[in-house]
Amino acid sequence: MSDNLTQNNDQVIESPIFKNGLAINTEDLTSATYKLYSLNKKTLKLTKSFNQGITRKENTLTINISKADSTNLRGQYYHELTIVDPTLGESTVFKKDIIFEATVNV
């Protein structure tokens, strides 16, 4: 997964889902939530969930970031993905900083 995306572009973040080294079938998940915050984590900039920007296939979740989503994003942010499995409970898949690089035409 890249830690850099480009402002004003359609793009995806793909995240394989594992717990304790074992692949988790994403069809079994009851929820998945992606959140993008300002770097200080005080301002929520973007949220995605199943059927609203997150798709699933086998053991991978795909977060779709549209051109419209990223038009005003430039610089460094914090993002995280959490899932809920009916058997394993809630888990944070990742939490880290991400950079949206400015496009030439902006």
Protein backbone atom coordinates (compact mmCIF):
# COMPACT_ATOMS: atom_id res chain seq x y z
CA MET A 1 0.00 0.00 0.00
CA SER A 2 1.37 3.36 -0.99
CA ASP A 3 1.74 6.15 1.56
CA ASN A 4 1.45 8.73 -1.25
CA LEU A 5 -1.59 9.55 -3.36
CA THR A 6 -2.12 12.33 -5.86
CA GLN A 7 -4.51 15.20 -5.38
CA ASN A 8 -7.36 15.56 -7.89
CA ASN A 9 -7.18 11.94 -9.19
CA ASP A 10 -9.25 8.76 -9.04
CA GLN A 11 -7.19 6.18 -7.15
CA VAL A 12 -7.43 3.22 -4.80
CA ILE A 13 -5.88 1.94 -1.61
CA GLU A 14 -5.80 -1.86 -1.49
CA SER A 15 -5.41 -3.51 1.88
CA PRO A 16 -5.05 -7.27 2.37
CA ILE A 17 -6.79 -8.31 5.59
CA PHE A 18 -4.96 -10.64 7.99
CA LYS A 19 -5.27 -11.40 11.69
CA ASN A 20 -2.60 -13.38 13.53
CA GLY A 21 -1.00 -14.19 10.18
CA LEU A 22 -4.17 -15.70 8.71
CA ALA A 23 -6.09 -14.24 5.78
CA ILE A 24 -9.61 -13.11 6.66
CA ASN A 25 -12.42 -13.54 4.14
CA THR A 26 -13.76 -10.01 3.76
CA GLU A 27 -17.22 -11.34 2.84
CA ASP A 28 -17.56 -12.34 6.52
CA LEU A 29 -16.90 -8.81 7.83
CA THR A 30 -19.89 -6.95 9.26
CA SER A 31 -18.28 -3.54 8.71
CA ALA A 32 -15.22 -1.71 7.47
CA THR A 33 -14.57 1.99 8.00
CA TYR A 34 -11.86 4.14 6.44
CA LYS A 35 -11.23 7.60 7.89
CA LEU A 36 -8.92 10.35 6.69
CA TYR A 37 -8.11 13.10 9.21
CA SER A 38 -6.04 16.24 9.31
CA LEU A 39 -2.52 15.43 10.48
CA ASN A 40 -3.33 16.48 14.07
CA LYS A 41 -6.35 14.09 13.97
CA LYS A 42 -8.77 16.88 14.92
CA THR A 43 -10.63 17.29 11.62
CA LEU A 44 -12.28 14.41 9.78
CA LYS A 45 -11.78 14.96 6.03
CA LEU A 46 -13.19 11.77 4.49
CA THR A 47 -15.06 8.62 5.51
CA LYS A 48 -15.67 5.44 3.50
CA SER A 49 -17.56 2.23 4.36
CA PHE A 50 -19.02 -0.81 2.58
CA ASN A 51 -21.11 0.21 -0.45
CA GLN A 52 -19.89 3.78 0.04
CA GLY A 53 -16.37 3.62 -1.31
CA ILE A 54 -15.08 0.32 0.14
CA THR A 55 -15.36 -2.88 -1.87
CA ARG A 56 -14.29 -6.38 -0.88
CA LYS A 57 -12.88 -9.37 -2.71
CA GLU A 58 -11.55 -12.47 -0.98
CA ASN A 59 -9.12 -11.19 1.67
CA THR A 60 -8.64 -7.67 0.28
CA LEU A 61 -10.50 -4.42 0.89
CA THR A 62 -10.29 -1.69 -1.74
CA ILE A 63 -10.84 1.91 -0.72
CA ASN A 64 -11.84 4.07 -3.67
CA ILE A 65 -10.69 7.68 -3.47
CA SER A 66 -12.37 9.67 -6.24
CA LYS A 67 -11.17 12.79 -7.99
CA ALA A 68 -13.91 14.69 -6.16
CA ASP A 69 -12.76 13.24 -2.80
CA SER A 70 -9.18 14.38 -3.35
CA THR A 71 -9.69 17.74 -5.07
CA ASN A 72 -8.93 19.78 -1.95
CA LEU A 73 -6.43 17.39 -0.36
CA ARG A 74 -2.82 18.49 -0.47
CA GLY A 75 -0.10 17.70 2.01
CA GLN A 76 0.15 15.27 4.92
CA TYR A 77 -2.82 13.60 6.64
CA TYR A 78 -3.52 10.69 8.99
CA HIS A 79 -5.66 7.72 7.89
CA GLU A 80 -6.91 4.48 9.37
CA LEU A 81 -8.96 1.43 8.46
CA THR A 82 -10.97 -0.55 11.01
CA ILE A 83 -12.95 -3.74 10.48
CA VAL A 84 -15.46 -5.77 12.46
CA ASP A 85 -15.45 -9.55 12.13
CA PRO A 86 -18.35 -11.35 13.84
CA THR A 87 -15.98 -13.91 15.37
CA LEU A 88 -12.75 -11.96 15.89
CA GLY A 89 -14.29 -8.60 16.87
CA GLU A 90 -13.06 -5.13 15.95
CA SER A 91 -9.54 -4.63 14.60
CA THR A 92 -7.49 -1.73 13.30
CA VAL A 93 -5.97 -2.81 10.00
CA PHE A 94 -3.71 0.23 9.66
CA LYS A 95 -3.21 3.68 11.14
CA LYS A 96 -0.55 5.97 9.76
CA ASP A 97 0.25 9.15 7.88
CA ILE A 98 -0.40 9.60 4.18
CA ILE A 99 0.64 12.33 1.73
CA PHE A 100 -1.48 13.75 -1.06
CA GLU A 101 0.90 15.22 -3.62
CA ALA A 102 -0.25 18.30 -5.50
CA THR A 103 -1.05 17.90 -9.17
CA VAL A 104 0.62 20.07 -11.79
CA ASN A 105 -2.68 21.49 -13.03
CA VAL A 106 -3.87 22.75 -9.62
